[in-house]
Amino acid sequence: MRMGSPAEEGYSIDSFNGLKMESGVTLTLGSTVTIHLVSEDAEVSSVTPRTVADATPIDLGAGNYTAGTDFPAGTYNLIATSGSGNVSSDNMYQGGLNEIMGNPAEAGFSISQYNNAIFEEGTVLSVSGASIQLVPVGE
């Protein structure tokens, strides 16, 4: 589900009611969204955010890159370092991304950072027109 504030008709929504999550389900937020959850039954005592891992960031220019071959599989924050263009992965519906990224970001058109992209072994990341940095994120 694509969320944003303000919502863009046909593209995103700004609220959702009635989400049911069983115990043990992981909620993953990507891009730059911040959400407000309200629940009478939520167990939040053990909720912790992901942290930046103690690993070296990876710089990538335009091209196609395979997780596990060209960079380690894992969860990453992506930062646009120069240019502007499309950054996408072939798992965009399973934790990946399809965004226009740029440095500097253009309001309403591109973003400069995308958080918590998941690249499992074999996932193909495509970068066009921009340079990005992959910053490893811990669990």
N, C-alpha and C. Protein backbone atom coordinates (compact mmCIF):
# COMPACT_ATOMS: atom_id res chain seq x y z
N MET A 1 0.85 -1.16 0.00
CA MET A 1 0.00 0.00 0.00
C MET A 1 0.89 1.22 0.00
N ARG A 2 0.57 2.19 -0.81
CA ARG A 2 1.36 3.41 -0.92
C ARG A 2 0.67 4.50 -0.13
N MET A 3 1.41 5.08 0.85
CA MET A 3 0.85 6.12 1.70
C MET A 3 1.66 7.39 1.55
N GLY A 4 0.98 8.53 1.72
CA GLY A 4 1.65 9.81 1.66
C GLY A 4 0.78 10.89 2.25
N SER A 5 1.40 11.97 2.62
CA SER A 5 0.65 13.09 3.17
C SER A 5 1.17 14.37 2.52
N PRO A 6 0.37 15.05 1.74
CA PRO A 6 -1.03 14.74 1.44
C PRO A 6 -1.14 13.59 0.43
N ALA A 7 -2.27 12.90 0.45
CA ALA A 7 -2.51 11.81 -0.49
C ALA A 7 -2.60 12.37 -1.90
N GLU A 8 -2.14 11.57 -2.87
CA GLU A 8 -2.24 11.94 -4.27
C GLU A 8 -3.24 11.01 -4.92
N GLU A 9 -4.31 11.56 -5.48
CA GLU A 9 -5.40 10.77 -6.03
C GLU A 9 -4.88 9.74 -7.04
N GLY A 10 -5.28 8.51 -6.84
CA GLY A 10 -4.87 7.43 -7.72
C GLY A 10 -3.45 6.95 -7.50
N TYR A 11 -2.74 7.54 -6.54
CA TYR A 11 -1.34 7.20 -6.34
C TYR A 11 -1.05 6.77 -4.91
N SER A 12 -1.65 7.47 -3.92
CA SER A 12 -1.40 7.13 -2.53
C SER A 12 -2.59 7.51 -1.67
N ILE A 13 -2.61 6.99 -0.45
CA ILE A 13 -3.64 7.32 0.52
C ILE A 13 -2.97 7.91 1.74
N ASP A 14 -3.74 8.69 2.54
CA ASP A 14 -3.13 9.29 3.73
C ASP A 14 -3.58 8.64 5.02
N SER A 15 -4.53 7.69 4.95
CA SER A 15 -4.93 6.97 6.17
C SER A 15 -5.51 5.61 5.79
N PHE A 16 -5.47 4.70 6.74
CA PHE A 16 -6.01 3.37 6.55
C PHE A 16 -6.53 2.89 7.90
N ASN A 17 -7.73 2.37 7.93
CA ASN A 17 -8.33 1.85 9.16
C ASN A 17 -8.59 0.36 9.03
N GLY A 18 -8.47 -0.36 10.14
CA GLY A 18 -8.84 -1.77 10.17
C GLY A 18 -7.72 -2.75 9.88
N LEU A 19 -6.48 -2.33 9.95
CA LEU A 19 -5.37 -3.24 9.72
C LEU A 19 -5.34 -4.30 10.82
N LYS A 20 -5.26 -5.56 10.43
CA LYS A 20 -5.16 -6.65 11.41
C LYS A 20 -3.80 -7.31 11.24
N MET A 21 -3.06 -7.35 12.34
CA MET A 21 -1.73 -7.96 12.32
C MET A 21 -1.67 -9.00 13.42
N GLU A 22 -1.33 -10.22 13.05
CA GLU A 22 -1.16 -11.29 14.01
C GLU A 22 0.15 -11.09 14.78
N SER A 23 0.25 -11.68 15.92
CA SER A 23 1.47 -11.62 16.72
C SER A 23 2.64 -12.17 15.91
N GLY A 24 3.76 -11.47 15.94
CA GLY A 24 4.96 -11.92 15.24
C GLY A 24 5.13 -11.35 13.85
N VAL A 25 4.13 -10.64 13.33
CA VAL A 25 4.22 -10.03 12.00
C VAL A 25 5.17 -8.83 12.08
N THR A 26 6.00 -8.67 11.05
CA THR A 26 6.91 -7.53 10.99
C THR A 26 6.31 -6.48 10.08
N LEU A 27 6.19 -5.26 10.58
CA LEU A 27 5.73 -4.13 9.79
C LEU A 27 6.96 -3.40 9.28
N THR A 28 7.07 -3.26 7.96
CA THR A 28 8.22 -2.61 7.35
C THR A 28 7.76 -1.32 6.68
N LEU A 29 8.44 -0.23 6.97
CA LEU A 29 8.17 1.06 6.34
C LEU A 29 9.33 1.38 5.43
N GLY A 30 9.02 1.80 4.22
CA GLY A 30 10.05 2.18 3.28
C GLY A 30 9.94 3.63 2.90
N SER A 31 10.86 4.07 2.08
CA SER A 31 10.92 5.44 1.60
C SER A 31 11.11 6.38 2.77
N THR A 32 10.36 7.49 2.82
CA THR A 32 10.55 8.49 3.87
C THR A 32 9.31 8.64 4.74
N VAL A 33 8.38 7.71 4.63
CA VAL A 33 7.11 7.82 5.35
C VAL A 33 7.28 7.62 6.85
N THR A 34 6.54 8.38 7.62
CA THR A 34 6.41 8.20 9.06
C THR A 34 4.93 7.99 9.32
N ILE A 35 4.57 6.96 10.07
CA ILE A 35 3.16 6.70 10.31
C ILE A 35 2.83 6.77 11.79
N HIS A 36 1.56 6.96 12.07
CA HIS A 36 1.05 6.99 13.43
C HIS A 36 0.08 5.83 13.55
N LEU A 37 0.39 4.86 14.42
CA LEU A 37 -0.46 3.70 14.63
C LEU A 37 -1.23 3.86 15.94
N VAL A 38 -2.50 3.47 15.92
CA VAL A 38 -3.33 3.50 17.12
C VAL A 38 -3.94 2.12 17.29
N SER A 39 -3.77 1.55 18.50
CA SER A 39 -4.33 0.24 18.78
C SER A 39 -4.54 0.09 20.28
N GLU A 40 -5.66 -0.55 20.63
CA GLU A 40 -5.91 -0.82 22.04
C GLU A 40 -5.15 -2.05 22.51
N ASP A 41 -4.79 -2.95 21.58
CA ASP A 41 -4.18 -4.23 21.95
C ASP A 41 -2.72 -4.38 21.55
N ALA A 42 -2.11 -3.33 21.05
CA ALA A 42 -0.73 -3.44 20.56
C ALA A 42 0.23 -3.76 21.70
N GLU A 43 1.16 -4.66 21.40
CA GLU A 43 2.22 -4.99 22.34
C GLU A 43 3.49 -4.31 21.81
N VAL A 44 3.82 -3.16 22.37
CA VAL A 44 4.93 -2.37 21.84
C VAL A 44 6.16 -2.35 22.73
N SER A 45 6.14 -3.10 23.80
CA SER A 45 7.26 -3.06 24.74
C SER A 45 8.57 -3.56 24.13
N SER A 46 8.49 -4.43 23.13
CA SER A 46 9.72 -4.96 22.55
C SER A 46 9.99 -4.41 21.15
N VAL A 47 9.27 -3.38 20.72
CA VAL A 47 9.47 -2.80 19.40
C VAL A 47 10.74 -1.95 19.40
N THR A 48 11.60 -2.22 18.43
CA THR A 48 12.83 -1.45 18.29
C THR A 48 13.03 -1.09 16.82
N PRO A 49 13.52 0.11 16.54
CA PRO A 49 13.78 0.48 15.15
C PRO A 49 15.07 -0.19 14.65
N ARG A 50 15.17 -0.34 13.36
CA ARG A 50 16.42 -0.81 12.78
C ARG A 50 17.47 0.27 12.96
N THR A 51 18.71 -0.13 13.03
CA THR A 51 19.80 0.82 13.20
C THR A 51 20.77 0.66 12.04
N VAL A 52 21.53 1.69 11.77
CA VAL A 52 22.54 1.60 10.73
C VAL A 52 23.60 0.61 11.17
N ALA A 53 23.87 -0.35 10.31
CA ALA A 53 24.84 -1.40 10.62
C ALA A 53 26.25 -0.84 10.60
N ASP A 54 27.15 -1.52 11.28
CA ASP A 54 28.55 -1.13 11.30
C ASP A 54 29.25 -1.75 10.09
N ALA A 55 28.92 -1.23 8.91
CA ALA A 55 29.49 -1.74 7.67
C ALA A 55 29.74 -0.56 6.72
N THR A 56 30.59 -0.77 5.77
CA THR A 56 30.96 0.28 4.83
C THR A 56 29.85 0.50 3.80
N PRO A 57 29.42 1.76 3.59
CA PRO A 57 28.44 2.05 2.54
C PRO A 57 28.99 1.67 1.17
N ILE A 58 28.09 1.40 0.24
CA ILE A 58 28.47 0.97 -1.11
C ILE A 58 28.00 2.02 -2.10
N ASP A 59 28.91 2.55 -2.91
CA ASP A 59 28.57 3.55 -3.92
C ASP A 59 28.29 2.86 -5.26
N LEU A 60 27.16 3.25 -5.89
CA LEU A 60 26.78 2.67 -7.17
C LEU A 60 26.40 3.78 -8.15
N GLY A 61 26.83 3.65 -9.39
CA GLY A 61 26.41 4.53 -10.47
C GLY A 61 25.33 3.85 -11.27
N ALA A 62 25.05 4.38 -12.45
CA ALA A 62 24.04 3.79 -13.31
C ALA A 62 24.42 2.35 -13.67
N GLY A 63 23.44 1.47 -13.66
CA GLY A 63 23.69 0.08 -14.02
C GLY A 63 22.71 -0.85 -13.33
N ASN A 64 22.90 -2.14 -13.55
CA ASN A 64 22.11 -3.18 -12.92
C ASN A 64 23.01 -3.99 -12.01
N TYR A 65 22.55 -4.21 -10.78
CA TYR A 65 23.37 -4.87 -9.76
C TYR A 65 22.56 -5.98 -9.11
N THR A 66 23.21 -7.11 -8.84
CA THR A 66 22.53 -8.25 -8.25
C THR A 66 22.98 -8.44 -6.81
N ALA A 67 21.98 -8.50 -5.90
CA ALA A 67 22.28 -8.74 -4.48
C ALA A 67 22.88 -10.13 -4.33
N GLY A 68 23.94 -10.21 -3.57
CA GLY A 68 24.63 -11.47 -3.37
C GLY A 68 25.79 -11.66 -4.33
N THR A 69 25.80 -10.91 -5.43
CA THR A 69 26.88 -10.97 -6.40
C THR A 69 27.64 -9.64 -6.43
N ASP A 70 26.93 -8.54 -6.66
CA ASP A 70 27.56 -7.22 -6.77
C ASP A 70 27.61 -6.48 -5.44
N PHE A 71 26.74 -6.83 -4.52
CA PHE A 71 26.73 -6.28 -3.17
C PHE A 71 26.05 -7.30 -2.27
N PRO A 72 26.36 -7.30 -0.96
CA PRO A 72 25.77 -8.29 -0.07
C PRO A 72 24.25 -8.13 0.01
N ALA A 73 23.53 -9.25 0.02
CA ALA A 73 22.09 -9.21 0.23
C ALA A 73 21.83 -8.62 1.62
N GLY A 74 20.71 -7.92 1.79
CA GLY A 74 20.40 -7.34 3.10
C GLY A 74 19.42 -6.19 2.98
N THR A 75 19.28 -5.45 4.06
CA THR A 75 18.40 -4.29 4.13
C THR A 75 19.26 -3.03 4.10
N TYR A 76 18.85 -2.06 3.28
CA TYR A 76 19.67 -0.86 3.07
C TYR A 76 18.82 0.41 3.08
N ASN A 77 19.45 1.50 3.50
CA ASN A 77 18.95 2.84 3.22
C ASN A 77 19.69 3.28 1.96
N LEU A 78 18.98 3.89 1.01
CA LEU A 78 19.59 4.37 -0.22
C LEU A 78 19.63 5.89 -0.18
N ILE A 79 20.76 6.46 -0.53
CA ILE A 79 20.93 7.91 -0.54
C ILE A 79 21.39 8.32 -1.94
N ALA A 80 20.66 9.26 -2.56
CA ALA A 80 21.08 9.79 -3.86
C ALA A 80 22.30 10.67 -3.62
N THR A 81 23.39 10.41 -4.34
CA THR A 81 24.60 11.20 -4.15
C THR A 81 24.82 12.20 -5.28
N SER A 82 24.28 11.92 -6.47
CA SER A 82 24.36 12.89 -7.57
C SER A 82 23.38 12.50 -8.66
N GLY A 83 23.03 13.48 -9.47
CA GLY A 83 22.13 13.23 -10.59
C GLY A 83 20.70 13.01 -10.15
N SER A 84 19.88 12.59 -11.10
CA SER A 84 18.47 12.31 -10.84
C SER A 84 18.02 11.24 -11.82
N GLY A 85 17.30 10.24 -11.30
CA GLY A 85 16.83 9.18 -12.18
C GLY A 85 16.07 8.12 -11.42
N ASN A 86 15.72 7.06 -12.13
CA ASN A 86 14.92 5.99 -11.55
C ASN A 86 15.81 4.97 -10.86
N VAL A 87 15.38 4.56 -9.67
CA VAL A 87 16.05 3.50 -8.91
C VAL A 87 14.97 2.49 -8.57
N SER A 88 15.14 1.26 -9.04
CA SER A 88 14.10 0.25 -8.82
C SER A 88 14.73 -1.12 -8.60
N SER A 89 13.93 -2.00 -8.03
CA SER A 89 14.38 -3.37 -7.85
C SER A 89 13.28 -4.30 -8.32
N ASP A 90 13.67 -5.51 -8.72
CA ASP A 90 12.67 -6.44 -9.25
C ASP A 90 11.82 -7.08 -8.16
N ASN A 91 12.01 -6.66 -6.91
CA ASN A 91 11.16 -7.13 -5.81
C ASN A 91 10.37 -5.96 -5.21
N MET A 92 10.00 -5.00 -6.05
CA MET A 92 9.39 -3.76 -5.54
C MET A 92 8.15 -4.02 -4.70
N TYR A 93 7.45 -5.12 -4.88
CA TYR A 93 6.25 -5.41 -4.09
C TYR A 93 6.55 -6.28 -2.87
N GLN A 94 7.80 -6.67 -2.68
CA GLN A 94 8.20 -7.48 -1.52
C GLN A 94 9.30 -6.78 -0.73
N GLY A 95 9.18 -5.48 -0.55
CA GLY A 95 10.14 -4.74 0.26
C GLY A 95 11.17 -3.96 -0.54
N GLY A 96 11.13 -4.07 -1.86
CA GLY A 96 12.05 -3.32 -2.70
C GLY A 96 11.53 -1.92 -2.98
N LEU A 97 11.91 -1.36 -4.12
CA LEU A 97 11.51 0.02 -4.40
C LEU A 97 11.39 0.29 -5.88
N ASN A 98 10.70 1.36 -6.21
CA ASN A 98 10.62 1.94 -7.53
C ASN A 98 10.41 3.42 -7.31
N GLU A 99 11.49 4.19 -7.32
CA GLU A 99 11.45 5.60 -6.96
C GLU A 99 12.27 6.43 -7.94
N ILE A 100 11.90 7.69 -8.04
CA ILE A 100 12.74 8.66 -8.72
C ILE A 100 13.55 9.33 -7.62
N MET A 101 14.86 9.18 -7.70
CA MET A 101 15.74 9.71 -6.68
C MET A 101 16.65 10.77 -7.29
N GLY A 102 16.97 11.78 -6.49
CA GLY A 102 17.86 12.82 -6.98
C GLY A 102 18.55 13.58 -5.88
N ASN A 103 19.67 14.16 -6.23
CA ASN A 103 20.41 15.01 -5.31
C ASN A 103 20.79 16.27 -6.08
N PRO A 104 20.15 17.39 -5.78
CA PRO A 104 19.16 17.57 -4.71
C PRO A 104 17.80 17.04 -5.14
N ALA A 105 16.98 16.67 -4.14
CA ALA A 105 15.63 16.20 -4.40
C ALA A 105 14.78 17.37 -4.89
N GLU A 106 13.88 17.08 -5.81
CA GLU A 106 12.95 18.09 -6.31
C GLU A 106 11.59 17.83 -5.67
N ALA A 107 11.09 18.80 -4.91
CA ALA A 107 9.84 18.64 -4.18
C ALA A 107 8.73 18.13 -5.09
N GLY A 108 8.09 17.04 -4.67
CA GLY A 108 6.99 16.47 -5.42
C GLY A 108 7.41 15.65 -6.62
N PHE A 109 8.70 15.58 -6.90
CA PHE A 109 9.15 14.86 -8.08
C PHE A 109 10.13 13.74 -7.74
N SER A 110 11.04 14.02 -6.83
CA SER A 110 12.04 13.01 -6.48
C SER A 110 12.34 13.06 -4.99
N ILE A 111 12.98 12.01 -4.53
CA ILE A 111 13.40 11.94 -3.13
C ILE A 111 14.91 11.77 -3.08
N SER A 112 15.52 12.18 -1.97
CA SER A 112 16.97 12.05 -1.85
C SER A 112 17.37 10.82 -1.04
N GLN A 113 16.41 10.22 -0.32
CA GLN A 113 16.73 9.05 0.50
C GLN A 113 15.53 8.11 0.55
N TYR A 114 15.82 6.80 0.54
CA TYR A 114 14.80 5.77 0.68
C TYR A 114 15.29 4.83 1.76
N ASN A 115 14.49 4.60 2.78
CA ASN A 115 14.91 3.78 3.91
C ASN A 115 14.33 2.38 3.87
N ASN A 116 15.11 1.43 4.35
CA ASN A 116 14.67 0.05 4.59
C ASN A 116 14.30 -0.75 3.35
N ALA A 117 15.04 -0.60 2.27
CA ALA A 117 14.84 -1.43 1.08
C ALA A 117 15.45 -2.80 1.35
N ILE A 118 14.70 -3.84 1.05
CA ILE A 118 15.15 -5.21 1.30
C ILE A 118 15.59 -5.84 -0.01
N PHE A 119 16.84 -6.27 -0.06
CA PHE A 119 17.38 -6.92 -1.26
C PHE A 119 17.85 -8.32 -0.87
N GLU A 120 16.98 -9.30 -1.11
CA GLU A 120 17.34 -10.69 -0.85
C GLU A 120 18.26 -11.20 -1.95
N GLU A 121 18.93 -12.30 -1.70
CA GLU A 121 19.84 -12.93 -2.64
C GLU A 121 19.19 -13.03 -4.02
N GLY A 122 19.87 -12.51 -5.05
CA GLY A 122 19.38 -12.59 -6.42
C GLY A 122 18.53 -11.43 -6.87
N THR A 123 18.15 -10.52 -5.95
CA THR A 123 17.36 -9.36 -6.32
C THR A 123 18.18 -8.44 -7.22
N VAL A 124 17.59 -7.96 -8.30
CA VAL A 124 18.29 -7.06 -9.21
C VAL A 124 17.88 -5.61 -8.91
N LEU A 125 18.88 -4.78 -8.65
CA LEU A 125 18.70 -3.35 -8.40
C LEU A 125 19.14 -2.61 -9.66
N SER A 126 18.24 -1.75 -10.19
CA SER A 126 18.55 -0.99 -11.40
C SER A 126 18.64 0.49 -11.06
N VAL A 127 19.73 1.13 -11.50
CA VAL A 127 19.96 2.55 -11.25
C VAL A 127 20.14 3.22 -12.60
N SER A 128 19.35 4.29 -12.86
CA SER A 128 19.41 4.98 -14.14
C SER A 128 19.44 6.48 -13.91
N GLY A 129 20.47 7.17 -14.39
CA GLY A 129 20.53 8.62 -14.33
C GLY A 129 20.99 9.21 -13.02
N ALA A 130 21.24 8.41 -12.03
CA ALA A 130 21.65 8.91 -10.72
C ALA A 130 22.78 8.05 -10.18
N SER A 131 23.46 8.55 -9.18
CA SER A 131 24.40 7.76 -8.40
C SER A 131 23.82 7.66 -7.02
N ILE A 132 23.96 6.49 -6.40
CA ILE A 132 23.40 6.27 -5.08
C ILE A 132 24.43 5.63 -4.15
N GLN A 133 24.12 5.67 -2.89
CA GLN A 133 24.93 4.98 -1.89
C GLN A 133 24.00 4.05 -1.12
N LEU A 134 24.41 2.79 -0.99
CA LEU A 134 23.68 1.82 -0.18
C LEU A 134 24.30 1.84 1.21
N VAL A 135 23.48 2.12 2.22
CA VAL A 135 23.95 2.14 3.60
C VAL A 135 23.32 0.92 4.30
N PRO A 136 24.13 -0.07 4.69
CA PRO A 136 23.57 -1.26 5.34
C PRO A 136 22.83 -0.91 6.62
N VAL A 137 21.70 -1.59 6.82
CA VAL A 137 20.86 -1.37 8.00
C VAL A 137 20.79 -2.67 8.80
N GLY A 138 20.94 -2.59 10.11
CA GLY A 138 20.84 -3.77 10.95
C GLY A 138 19.39 -4.17 11.14
N GLU A 139 19.19 -5.29 11.74
CA GLU A 139 17.83 -5.80 11.98
C GLU A 139 17.30 -5.28 13.29
